[in-house]
């Protein structure tokens, strides 16, 4: 049996509930859904200044989301943590 020095990791995406599956990713001002619970936020330095990133967790399926509020980037917005 051969072992890999870097075994492949499980790249299976999280199982999203229907409301999470409906969130439009990477689009600023796209709505979330009612079962997202807001967590901590922090600032990230971008070339044009600071932007706020807020973490949310879905109460239904447990998916962890980040919402980047960058007014200069239309493709900021919702992303799943770790993807």
C-alpha atoms as a PDB file:
ATOM      1  CA  UNK A   1       0.000   0.000   0.000  1.00  0.00           C
ATOM      2  CA  UNK A   2       1.437   3.363  -1.035  1.00  0.00           C
ATOM      3  CA  UNK A   3       0.932   6.375   1.165  1.00  0.00           C
ATOM      4  CA  UNK A   4       0.883   9.896  -0.147  1.00  0.00           C
ATOM      5  CA  UNK A   5       3.032  12.497   1.614  1.00  0.00           C
ATOM      6  CA  UNK A   6       0.150  14.935   1.044  1.00  0.00           C
ATOM      7  CA  UNK A   7      -3.053  12.905   1.082  1.00  0.00           C
ATOM      8  CA  UNK A   8      -6.007  14.517  -0.674  1.00  0.00           C
ATOM      9  CA  UNK A   9      -8.298  16.370   1.690  1.00  0.00           C
ATOM     10  CA  UNK A  10     -12.048  16.086   1.723  1.00  0.00           C
ATOM     11  CA  UNK A  11     -13.153  18.937  -0.527  1.00  0.00           C
ATOM     12  CA  UNK A  12     -16.832  18.197  -0.023  1.00  0.00           C
ATOM     13  CA  UNK A  13     -18.665  21.490   0.380  1.00  0.00           C
ATOM     14  CA  UNK A  14     -20.909  21.868   3.419  1.00  0.00           C
ATOM     15  CA  UNK A  15     -24.502  20.740   3.050  1.00  0.00           C
ATOM     16  CA  UNK A  16     -26.416  23.986   2.721  1.00  0.00           C
ATOM     17  CA  UNK A  17     -29.998  24.409   3.817  1.00  0.00           C
ATOM     18  CA  UNK A  18     -32.343  25.800   1.163  1.00  0.00           C
ATOM     19  CA  UNK A  19     -32.108  29.433   2.394  1.00  0.00           C
ATOM     20  CA  UNK A  20     -28.266  29.287   2.423  1.00  0.00           C
ATOM     21  CA  UNK A  21     -28.207  27.716  -1.035  1.00  0.00           C
ATOM     22  CA  UNK A  22     -30.221  30.712  -2.252  1.00  0.00           C
ATOM     23  CA  UNK A  23     -27.699  33.340  -1.094  1.00  0.00           C
ATOM     24  CA  UNK A  24     -26.026  35.046  -4.023  1.00  0.00           C
ATOM     25  CA  UNK A  25     -22.294  34.870  -3.363  1.00  0.00           C
ATOM     26  CA  UNK A  26     -19.703  37.491  -4.214  1.00  0.00           C
ATOM     27  CA  UNK A  27     -22.222  40.212  -4.947  1.00  0.00           C
ATOM     28  CA  UNK A  28     -22.327  43.269  -2.711  1.00  0.00           C
ATOM     29  CA  UNK A  29     -25.717  44.094  -1.193  1.00  0.00           C
ATOM     30  CA  UNK A  30     -27.145  40.610  -1.834  1.00  0.00           C
ATOM     31  CA  UNK A  31     -29.452  39.651   1.038  1.00  0.00           C
ATOM     32  CA  UNK A  32     -28.742  36.862   3.496  1.00  0.00           C
ATOM     33  CA  UNK A  33     -31.620  35.068   5.205  1.00  0.00           C
ATOM     34  CA  UNK A  34     -33.496  35.180   8.514  1.00  0.00           C
ATOM     35  CA  UNK A  35     -31.665  32.277  10.198  1.00  0.00           C
ATOM     36  CA  UNK A  36     -28.189  33.840   9.900  1.00  0.00           C
ATOM     37  CA  UNK A  37     -26.901  34.851  13.320  1.00  0.00           C
ATOM     38  CA  UNK A  38     -24.433  37.726  13.282  1.00  0.00           C
ATOM     39  CA  UNK A  39     -21.099  37.144  14.966  1.00  0.00           C
ATOM     40  CA  UNK A  40     -17.932  39.174  15.232  1.00  0.00           C
ATOM     41  CA  UNK A  41     -16.687  41.647  12.677  1.00  0.00           C
ATOM     42  CA  UNK A  42     -13.231  42.902  11.884  1.00  0.00           C
ATOM     43  CA  UNK A  43     -11.537  45.350   9.537  1.00  0.00           C
ATOM     44  CA  UNK A  44      -9.293  44.357   6.652  1.00  0.00           C
ATOM     45  CA  UNK A  45      -6.922  46.770   4.927  1.00  0.00           C
ATOM     46  CA  UNK A  46      -7.434  47.013   1.176  1.00  0.00           C
ATOM     47  CA  UNK A  47      -5.551  49.232  -1.280  1.00  0.00           C
ATOM     48  CA  UNK A  48      -8.287  51.882  -1.024  1.00  0.00           C
ATOM     49  CA  UNK A  49      -8.747  51.679   2.771  1.00  0.00           C
ATOM     50  CA  UNK A  50     -10.413  49.577   5.451  1.00  0.00           C
ATOM     51  CA  UNK A  51     -13.401  47.304   4.787  1.00  0.00           C
ATOM     52  CA  UNK A  52     -15.578  45.515   7.337  1.00  0.00           C
ATOM     53  CA  UNK A  53     -15.993  41.729   7.289  1.00  0.00           C
ATOM     54  CA  UNK A  54     -18.741  40.256   9.468  1.00  0.00           C
ATOM     55  CA  UNK A  55     -19.098  36.573  10.320  1.00  0.00           C
ATOM     56  CA  UNK A  56     -22.515  34.885  10.369  1.00  0.00           C
ATOM     57  CA  UNK A  57     -23.551  31.335  11.271  1.00  0.00           C
ATOM     58  CA  UNK A  58     -26.709  29.710   9.962  1.00  0.00           C
ATOM     59  CA  UNK A  59     -28.902  28.511  12.830  1.00  0.00           C
ATOM     60  CA  UNK A  60     -30.397  25.847  10.567  1.00  0.00           C
ATOM     61  CA  UNK A  61     -27.436  24.142   8.839  1.00  0.00           C
ATOM     62  CA  UNK A  62     -24.408  25.575  10.684  1.00  0.00           C
ATOM     63  CA  UNK A  63     -22.723  27.047   7.603  1.00  0.00           C
ATOM     64  CA  UNK A  64     -20.272  29.819   8.521  1.00  0.00           C
ATOM     65  CA  UNK A  65     -20.475  32.849   6.242  1.00  0.00           C
ATOM     66  CA  UNK A  66     -18.438  36.023   5.882  1.00  0.00           C
ATOM     67  CA  UNK A  67     -19.985  39.202   4.524  1.00  0.00           C
ATOM     68  CA  UNK A  68     -17.470  41.729   3.174  1.00  0.00           C
ATOM     69  CA  UNK A  69     -18.840  45.242   2.996  1.00  0.00           C
ATOM     70  CA  UNK A  70     -16.551  46.908   0.448  1.00  0.00           C
ATOM     71  CA  UNK A  71     -18.320  49.776  -1.282  1.00  0.00           C
ATOM     72  CA  UNK A  72     -15.677  49.914  -4.023  1.00  0.00           C
ATOM     73  CA  UNK A  73     -15.953  46.238  -5.008  1.00  0.00           C
ATOM     74  CA  UNK A  74     -19.250  45.035  -6.487  1.00  0.00           C
ATOM     75  CA  UNK A  75     -17.961  41.436  -6.173  1.00  0.00           C
ATOM     76  CA  UNK A  76     -17.459  41.582  -2.403  1.00  0.00           C
ATOM     77  CA  UNK A  77     -20.361  40.279  -0.318  1.00  0.00           C
ATOM     78  CA  UNK A  78     -21.191  36.778   0.889  1.00  0.00           C
ATOM     79  CA  UNK A  79     -18.682  33.925   0.938  1.00  0.00           C
ATOM     80  CA  UNK A  80     -18.562  30.643   2.816  1.00  0.00           C
ATOM     81  CA  UNK A  81     -15.815  30.547   5.385  1.00  0.00           C
ATOM     82  CA  UNK A  82     -12.895  28.423   4.199  1.00  0.00           C
ATOM     83  CA  UNK A  83     -13.850  28.412   0.511  1.00  0.00           C
END
